[in-house]
Protein backbone atom coordinates (compact mmCIF):
# COMPACT_ATOMS: atom_id res chain seq x y z
CA UNK A 1 95.76 110.29 82.71
CA UNK A 2 94.22 113.36 81.01
CA UNK A 3 92.11 115.69 83.15
CA UNK A 4 88.44 115.27 82.17
CA UNK A 5 85.60 117.21 83.84
CA UNK A 6 83.70 114.33 85.45
CA UNK A 7 82.02 116.40 88.13
CA UNK A 8 82.01 116.58 91.91
CA UNK A 9 79.52 113.73 92.37
CA UNK A 10 81.67 111.27 90.47
CA UNK A 11 84.84 112.27 92.31
CA UNK A 12 83.07 111.76 95.63
CA UNK A 13 82.13 108.24 94.55
CA UNK A 14 85.63 107.52 93.29
CA UNK A 15 87.28 108.73 96.52
CA UNK A 16 84.96 106.73 98.76
CA UNK A 17 85.27 103.55 96.75
CA UNK A 18 89.05 103.74 96.49
CA UNK A 19 89.22 103.69 100.29
CA UNK A 20 86.57 100.97 100.59
CA UNK A 21 88.19 98.69 98.00
CA UNK A 22 91.48 98.71 99.88
CA UNK A 23 89.58 97.87 103.07
CA UNK A 24 87.84 94.99 101.29
CA UNK A 25 91.19 93.39 100.54
CA UNK A 26 92.08 93.57 104.22
CA UNK A 27 88.82 91.82 105.14
CA UNK A 28 89.35 89.04 102.59
CA UNK A 29 92.51 88.11 104.50
CA UNK A 30 91.38 89.04 108.01
CA UNK A 31 88.18 86.94 108.09
CA UNK A 32 89.95 83.62 107.27
CA UNK A 33 92.78 84.68 109.61
CA UNK A 34 90.30 85.04 112.47
CA UNK A 35 88.74 81.70 111.58
CA UNK A 36 92.08 79.87 111.59
CA UNK A 37 93.96 81.54 114.46
CA UNK A 38 91.14 82.37 116.87
CA UNK A 39 88.38 79.87 116.06
CA UNK A 40 90.72 77.04 114.96
CA UNK A 41 88.75 76.40 111.76
CA UNK A 42 89.71 73.68 109.29
CA UNK A 43 89.86 73.72 105.50
CA UNK A 44 86.12 73.17 105.01
CA UNK A 45 85.17 75.84 107.54
CA UNK A 46 87.46 78.40 105.90
CA UNK A 47 86.03 77.49 102.50
CA UNK A 48 82.53 78.19 103.81
CA UNK A 49 83.54 81.79 104.55
CA UNK A 50 84.33 82.26 100.86
CA UNK A 51 81.03 80.62 99.96
CA UNK A 52 79.11 83.03 102.22
CA UNK A 53 80.72 85.94 100.43
CA UNK A 54 79.89 84.67 96.91
CA UNK A 55 76.77 82.50 97.02
CA UNK A 56 74.38 85.46 97.51
CA UNK A 57 74.99 86.46 93.87
CA UNK A 58 73.45 83.17 92.79
CA UNK A 59 70.62 83.21 95.33
CA UNK A 60 69.32 86.78 95.09
CA UNK A 61 71.30 88.31 92.22
CA UNK A 62 68.38 88.55 89.79
CA UNK A 63 65.92 89.80 92.41
CA UNK A 64 68.48 92.36 93.63
CA UNK A 65 68.47 93.98 90.20
CA UNK A 66 64.75 94.65 90.54
CA UNK A 67 65.04 95.92 94.13
CA UNK A 68 67.96 98.23 93.25
CA UNK A 69 65.95 99.68 90.36
CA UNK A 70 62.99 100.33 92.66
CA UNK A 71 65.01 101.85 95.52
CA UNK A 72 67.46 103.85 93.41
CA UNK A 73 71.16 103.27 92.75
CA UNK A 74 72.70 105.63 95.29
CA UNK A 75 70.24 104.74 98.05
CA UNK A 76 70.93 101.03 97.47
CA UNK A 77 74.69 101.57 97.62
CA UNK A 78 74.38 103.59 100.82
CA UNK A 79 72.27 100.98 102.64
CA UNK A 80 74.51 98.17 101.36
CA UNK A 81 77.66 99.84 102.70
CA UNK A 82 76.02 100.57 106.06
CA UNK A 83 75.15 96.86 106.33
CA UNK A 84 78.61 95.72 105.21
CA UNK A 85 80.39 98.10 107.56
CA UNK A 86 78.24 97.01 110.50
CA UNK A 87 78.85 93.32 109.75
CA UNK A 88 82.61 93.83 109.51
CA UNK A 89 82.69 95.83 112.76
CA UNK A 90 80.58 93.22 114.56
CA UNK A 91 83.34 90.61 114.28
CA UNK A 92 85.91 92.42 116.50
CA UNK A 93 83.11 93.46 118.87
CA UNK A 94 82.06 89.81 119.32
CA UNK A 95 85.67 88.70 119.79
CA UNK A 96 86.24 91.42 122.40
CA UNK A 97 83.09 90.23 124.20
CA UNK A 98 84.46 86.68 124.29
CA UNK A 99 82.02 85.30 121.69
CA UNK A 100 84.11 82.87 119.65
CA UNK A 101 81.61 81.39 117.22
CA UNK A 102 82.07 80.18 113.67
CA UNK A 103 78.31 80.52 113.15
CA UNK A 104 78.53 84.22 114.00
CA UNK A 105 81.47 84.64 111.62
CA UNK A 106 79.47 82.94 108.85
CA UNK A 107 76.51 85.23 109.54
CA UNK A 108 78.71 88.32 109.27
CA UNK A 109 80.29 87.03 106.05
CA UNK A 110 76.83 86.34 104.64
CA UNK A 111 75.67 89.90 105.39
CA UNK A 112 78.83 91.22 103.71
CA UNK A 113 78.09 89.01 100.70
CA UNK A 114 74.46 90.14 100.52
CA UNK A 115 75.49 93.78 100.74
CA UNK A 116 78.06 93.25 98.01
CA UNK A 117 75.38 91.91 95.66
CA UNK A 118 73.29 95.09 95.97
CA UNK A 119 76.29 97.39 95.95
CA UNK A 120 77.96 95.90 92.89
CA UNK A 121 74.78 95.89 90.81
CA UNK A 122 74.16 99.56 91.60
CA UNK A 123 77.86 100.51 91.37
CA UNK A 124 78.30 99.17 87.85
CA UNK A 125 75.19 101.06 86.73
CA UNK A 126 75.83 104.40 88.46
CA UNK A 127 78.24 106.26 86.17
CA UNK A 128 75.57 107.46 83.70
CA UNK A 129 73.63 109.01 86.62
CA UNK A 130 76.72 110.85 87.90
CA UNK A 131 78.44 111.89 84.65
CA UNK A 132 76.17 113.83 82.30
CA UNK A 133 78.33 113.60 79.17
CA UNK A 134 78.14 110.08 77.68
CA UNK A 135 81.47 110.71 75.98
CA UNK A 136 83.09 110.79 79.43
CA UNK A 137 81.61 107.52 80.72
CA UNK A 138 84.58 105.51 79.52
CA UNK A 139 87.00 107.80 81.35
CA UNK A 140 84.94 107.51 84.53
CA UNK A 141 84.82 103.71 84.32
CA UNK A 142 88.57 103.66 83.69
CA UNK A 143 89.21 105.50 86.94
CA UNK A 144 86.94 103.18 88.91
CA UNK A 145 88.60 100.15 87.32
CA UNK A 146 92.07 101.50 88.11
CA UNK A 147 91.10 101.81 91.77
CA UNK A 148 89.74 98.27 91.80
CA UNK A 149 92.69 96.71 89.98
CA UNK A 150 95.24 98.64 92.04
CA UNK A 151 93.58 97.40 95.22
CA UNK A 152 93.89 93.83 93.95
CA UNK A 153 97.62 94.35 93.43
CA UNK A 154 98.36 96.21 96.65
CA UNK A 155 95.63 94.65 98.77
CA UNK A 156 97.22 91.33 99.81
CA UNK A 157 100.46 93.00 100.94
CA UNK A 158 98.50 95.80 102.62
CA UNK A 159 96.19 93.33 104.31
CA UNK A 160 99.07 91.28 105.65
CA UNK A 161 100.83 94.40 106.90
CA UNK A 162 97.74 95.79 108.61
CA UNK A 163 97.03 92.45 110.32
CA UNK A 164 100.66 92.23 111.48
CA UNK A 165 100.45 95.79 112.86
CA UNK A 166 96.93 95.91 114.32
CA UNK A 167 95.89 92.26 114.56
CA UNK A 168 92.91 90.72 112.78
CA UNK A 169 90.37 92.56 114.95
CA UNK A 170 92.09 95.88 114.43
CA UNK A 171 92.29 95.27 110.69
CA UNK A 172 88.56 94.60 110.53
CA UNK A 173 87.88 97.79 112.49
CA UNK A 174 89.94 99.72 109.94
CA UNK A 175 87.91 98.20 107.11
CA UNK A 176 84.70 99.21 108.88
CA UNK A 177 86.05 102.78 108.89
CA UNK A 178 86.58 102.63 105.10
CA UNK A 179 82.90 101.68 104.71
CA UNK A 180 82.03 104.72 106.83
CA UNK A 181 84.04 106.89 104.41
CA UNK A 182 82.11 105.35 101.51
CA UNK A 183 78.77 106.03 103.21
CA UNK A 184 79.69 109.66 103.85
CA UNK A 185 80.63 110.21 100.19
CA UNK A 186 77.42 108.55 99.01
CA UNK A 187 75.31 110.70 101.35
CA UNK A 188 77.12 113.78 100.03
CA UNK A 189 76.25 112.72 96.47
CA UNK A 190 72.61 112.20 97.43
CA UNK A 191 72.47 115.68 99.00
CA UNK A 192 73.96 117.30 95.89
CA UNK A 193 72.26 115.39 93.09
CA UNK A 194 70.86 117.60 90.36
CA UNK A 195 68.23 115.34 88.90
CA UNK A 196 65.97 112.50 90.02
CA UNK A 197 67.56 109.06 89.92
CA UNK A 198 64.37 107.14 89.29
CA UNK A 199 61.98 107.35 86.40
CA UNK A 200 58.25 106.69 86.84
CA UNK A 201 57.70 103.21 85.45
CA UNK A 202 54.95 100.68 85.87
CA UNK A 203 56.02 98.00 88.36
CA UNK A 204 54.83 94.43 88.15
CA UNK A 205 55.48 91.41 90.31
CA UNK A 206 59.03 90.52 91.33
CA UNK A 207 59.02 87.39 89.16
CA UNK A 208 57.60 89.31 86.23
CA UNK A 209 60.29 91.97 86.45
CA UNK A 210 63.03 89.35 86.74
CA UNK A 211 61.75 87.69 83.56
CA UNK A 212 61.54 91.10 81.88
CA UNK A 213 65.17 91.78 82.78
CA UNK A 214 66.32 88.46 81.35
CA UNK A 215 64.29 89.05 78.18
CA UNK A 216 65.71 92.56 77.87
CA UNK A 217 69.31 91.31 77.95
CA UNK A 218 68.63 88.40 75.61
CA UNK A 219 66.86 90.70 73.16
CA UNK A 220 69.66 93.26 73.07
CA UNK A 221 72.46 91.97 70.86
CA UNK A 222 75.17 94.02 72.60
CA UNK A 223 74.16 93.04 76.14
CA UNK A 224 73.61 89.41 75.15
CA UNK A 225 77.04 89.20 73.52
CA UNK A 226 78.86 90.70 76.50
CA UNK A 227 76.97 88.41 78.88
CA UNK A 228 77.91 85.20 77.04
CA UNK A 229 81.51 86.29 76.52
CA UNK A 230 81.77 86.85 80.27
CA UNK A 231 80.09 83.54 81.03
CA UNK A 232 82.39 81.41 78.86
CA UNK A 233 85.52 83.26 79.88
CA UNK A 234 84.71 83.13 83.59
CA UNK A 235 84.01 79.41 83.31
CA UNK A 236 87.51 78.79 81.94
CA UNK A 237 89.23 81.35 84.15
CA UNK A 238 87.65 79.95 87.32
CA UNK A 239 88.88 76.45 86.35
CA UNK A 240 92.37 77.91 86.02
CA UNK A 241 92.22 79.89 89.28
CA UNK A 242 90.76 76.99 91.27
CA UNK A 243 93.76 74.75 90.57
CA UNK A 244 96.52 77.36 90.17
CA UNK A 245 98.08 77.00 93.62
CA UNK A 246 97.80 73.19 93.56
CA UNK A 247 99.30 73.13 90.06
CA UNK A 248 102.19 75.38 91.08
CA UNK A 249 103.03 73.37 94.20
CA UNK A 250 102.47 69.78 93.05
CA UNK A 251 103.30 69.93 89.36
CA UNK A 252 105.80 72.79 89.15
CA UNK A 253 107.27 72.36 92.67
CA UNK A 254 107.36 76.10 93.37
CA UNK A 255 107.78 77.40 96.89
CA UNK A 256 105.04 79.64 98.32
CA UNK A 257 107.42 82.61 98.28
CA UNK A 258 108.35 82.10 94.63
CA UNK A 259 104.72 81.62 93.64
CA UNK A 260 103.62 84.73 95.54
CA UNK A 261 106.35 86.86 93.99
CA UNK A 262 105.57 85.56 90.49
CA UNK A 263 101.83 86.17 90.74
CA UNK A 264 102.27 89.49 92.55
CA UNK A 265 104.48 90.91 89.82
CA UNK A 266 102.18 89.51 87.14
CA UNK A 267 99.12 91.12 88.73
CA UNK A 268 100.42 94.54 87.67
CA UNK A 269 98.97 93.74 84.24
CA UNK A 270 95.39 94.53 85.35
CA UNK A 271 95.85 98.24 86.19
CA UNK A 272 98.02 98.67 83.09
CA UNK A 273 95.23 97.14 81.00
CA UNK A 274 92.68 99.46 82.61
CA UNK A 275 94.85 102.48 81.80
CA UNK A 276 95.26 101.31 78.18
CA UNK A 277 91.56 100.59 77.65
CA UNK A 278 90.82 104.06 76.26
CA UNK A 279 93.70 103.87 73.77
CA UNK A 280 92.53 100.44 72.55
CA UNK A 281 88.98 101.77 72.18
CA UNK A 282 90.13 104.76 70.15
CA UNK A 283 92.26 102.57 67.89
CA UNK A 284 89.74 99.82 67.23
CA UNK A 285 86.28 100.96 68.33
CA UNK A 286 84.33 99.95 71.43
CA UNK A 287 83.17 96.57 70.11
CA UNK A 288 86.42 95.45 68.52
CA UNK A 289 88.27 96.47 71.69
CA UNK A 290 86.54 93.54 73.41
CA UNK A 291 87.91 91.12 70.80
CA UNK A 292 91.44 92.48 71.11
CA UNK A 293 91.15 92.28 74.90
CA UNK A 294 89.90 88.68 74.77
CA UNK A 295 93.08 87.55 72.95
CA UNK A 296 95.56 88.24 75.80
CA UNK A 297 92.95 87.24 78.41
CA UNK A 298 92.81 83.73 76.93
CA UNK A 299 96.46 83.61 75.88
CA UNK A 300 97.58 84.28 79.45
CA UNK A 301 95.65 81.23 80.68
CA UNK A 302 97.28 79.11 77.99
CA UNK A 303 100.78 80.37 78.91
CA UNK A 304 100.21 79.58 82.58
CA UNK A 305 98.68 76.16 81.92
CA UNK A 306 101.70 74.94 79.89
CA UNK A 307 104.28 76.32 82.34
CA UNK A 308 107.08 73.94 83.26
CA UNK A 309 110.78 73.42 83.62
CA UNK A 310 113.24 76.02 84.83
CA UNK A 311 111.08 78.85 83.50
CA UNK A 312 107.90 77.72 85.32
CA UNK A 313 107.73 80.69 87.71
CA UNK A 314 108.49 83.13 84.89
CA UNK A 315 105.75 81.61 82.71
CA UNK A 316 103.18 81.79 85.51
CA UNK A 317 104.07 85.42 86.14
CA UNK A 318 103.93 86.22 82.42
CA UNK A 319 100.61 84.44 82.10
CA UNK A 320 99.17 86.39 85.03
CA UNK A 321 100.42 89.66 83.55
CA UNK A 322 98.92 88.95 80.12
CA UNK A 323 95.60 87.85 81.67
CA UNK A 324 95.42 91.08 83.69
CA UNK A 325 96.32 93.17 80.66
CA UNK A 326 93.44 91.70 78.66
CA UNK A 327 90.96 91.77 81.53
CA UNK A 328 91.76 95.39 82.31
CA UNK A 329 91.01 96.47 78.73
CA UNK A 330 87.93 94.23 78.51
CA UNK A 331 86.34 95.25 81.81
CA UNK A 332 86.29 99.00 81.23
CA UNK A 333 85.05 98.72 77.64
CA UNK A 334 82.42 96.08 78.48
CA UNK A 335 80.96 98.09 81.38
CA UNK A 336 80.84 101.25 79.26
CA UNK A 337 79.13 99.42 76.40
CA UNK A 338 76.59 97.88 78.80
CA UNK A 339 75.79 101.30 80.23
CA UNK A 340 75.51 102.95 76.80
CA UNK A 341 73.28 100.21 75.39
CA UNK A 342 70.86 99.91 78.31
CA UNK A 343 67.85 102.10 78.91
CA UNK A 344 68.14 103.94 82.21
CA UNK A 345 65.20 102.12 83.77
CA UNK A 346 66.72 98.71 82.87
CA UNK A 347 70.38 99.40 83.57
CA UNK A 348 70.53 97.81 87.03
CA UNK A 349 68.53 94.76 85.95
CA UNK A 350 70.79 94.25 82.95
CA UNK A 351 73.80 94.39 85.28
CA UNK A 352 72.12 91.90 87.64
CA UNK A 353 71.48 89.40 84.84
CA UNK A 354 75.09 89.69 83.69
CA UNK A 355 76.50 89.28 87.20
CA UNK A 356 74.22 86.35 87.97
CA UNK A 357 75.40 84.36 84.96
CA UNK A 358 79.06 85.31 85.27
CA UNK A 359 79.24 84.50 88.99
CA UNK A 360 77.33 81.29 88.36
CA UNK A 361 80.02 80.36 85.84
CA UNK A 362 82.70 80.99 88.49
CA UNK A 363 81.07 78.49 90.83
CA UNK A 364 80.55 75.86 88.14
CA UNK A 365 84.10 76.27 86.83
CA UNK A 366 85.68 75.70 90.23
CA UNK A 367 83.72 72.46 90.71
CA UNK A 368 84.40 71.33 87.14
CA UNK A 369 88.13 71.90 87.57
CA UNK A 370 88.19 69.77 90.70
CA UNK A 371 86.39 66.89 89.00
CA UNK A 372 88.57 66.97 85.88
CA UNK A 373 91.71 67.35 87.95
CA UNK A 374 90.77 64.33 90.03
CA UNK A 375 89.90 62.14 87.03
CA UNK A 376 92.38 63.22 84.35
CA UNK A 377 95.07 65.08 86.25
CA UNK A 378 95.81 68.66 87.20
CA UNK A 379 97.75 69.46 84.02
CA UNK A 380 94.89 68.27 81.82
CA UNK A 381 92.39 70.39 83.75
CA UNK A 382 94.63 73.44 83.43
CA UNK A 383 95.00 73.05 79.66
CA UNK A 384 91.26 72.51 79.29
CA UNK A 385 90.65 75.75 81.18
CA UNK A 386 92.29 77.64 78.34
CA UNK A 387 90.16 75.85 75.74
CA UNK A 388 86.98 76.63 77.66
CA UNK A 389 87.98 80.29 78.00
CA UNK A 390 88.66 80.38 74.25
CA UNK A 391 84.95 79.63 73.68
CA UNK A 392 84.38 83.28 74.60
CA UNK A 393 85.60 84.23 71.11
CA UNK A 394 82.51 82.69 69.48
CA UNK A 395 79.90 85.17 70.80
CA UNK A 396 82.18 88.06 69.80
CA UNK A 397 82.97 86.84 66.31
CA UNK A 398 79.29 86.27 65.54
CA UNK A 399 78.06 89.57 67.01
CA UNK A 400 77.50 93.04 65.50
CA UNK A 401 80.06 94.42 67.95
CA UNK A 402 83.00 93.09 65.93
CA UNK A 403 81.41 93.62 62.54
CA UNK A 404 80.95 97.32 63.20
CA UNK A 405 83.53 99.87 62.17
CA UNK A 406 84.07 103.30 63.61
CA UNK A 407 85.13 104.66 66.96
CA UNK A 408 82.38 103.18 69.11
CA UNK A 409 79.07 101.35 69.16
CA UNK A 410 76.19 103.88 69.13
CA UNK A 411 73.87 104.14 72.11
CA UNK A 412 70.77 101.97 71.66
CA UNK A 413 70.42 102.63 67.95
CA UNK A 414 67.69 100.84 65.97
CA UNK A 415 69.99 97.96 65.01
CA UNK A 416 70.94 97.29 68.62
CA UNK A 417 67.65 97.88 70.40
CA UNK A 418 65.91 95.01 72.19
CA UNK A 419 64.12 92.80 69.74
CA UNK A 420 60.47 91.86 70.13
């Protein structure tokens, strides 16, 4: 990766988040592990932990965009990580005190989920405040995406190893320490910032600002396109993910070890896609890069959904690799385009609207997959997931992003500014 002068503030953020993201992967395994081995939770109870981590995006996602804008991006991230670190650390403290309560575990998971809402909205909007040169935003987002995708690849194995070495309580304590590292880096950025991070704007009611954020995204053709592409793709991808393990075990008769190896090797596609995102952008332009990224993202789902026979494990692994390749290219370019085509005062709210719809699609897709799988069969639901994901091509093909030529989409030019 070429050396680009991104500045001390960005590198502080990158270092802190790389540590925190690895810790997050440990927690995703450790919390259910505590629920099952210590609190003797069943399937429904374990599922509720996942719900506590994700539902906050649907409940307060839009309002969080307004609050983050008012409080400031870095301040919001700092408070969010203090809350998440405290919630993670509270679990081993309660266990050591003899408090074995599922309700307490749910409460901690909910605080982690709430903190993640605020952190993610600010995090995906922060690069323009930390990197002065807009031409370097893509490189900065690539580095953040590489850390995230690498943690997804290494995280499960790391989490299992840490739990085996330190136990679930020890693993959670280690994750709490990674949040402390993140907080220290964020405080260092706040102490060394060179310009104010908030612009004086007229504030209205919470509901009024939420409606203004939605109108802003809908009126901006770039933001609106990216939002609907993400919505349709996530709907199909969540259908696929929801049934993947069941499909592999019941339909393809793969052992857990074979499935884990296949998906683990395939997951390498995401960091490779992130690393290639700049090359794809330079070759095709920022907007067209999204279209080229959507092709493997959808194709991978199709490959996995038609897997069968002696090559079933190989096809699932190949499908996962191709999905990750496309998603890696898409994610970096989409975030950079969102940042470049949002006014500074609306950046966090635009991110909140996008995340609200995309995470809503994840929830709907998982339920839809279960219903279709029950009525028509798992194979039918898997194939339909690819068709639903393919609907993401329509917003791209009818948008100015694909029609444009040149190296990149300009920043909020007259043809892309919010309408009316």
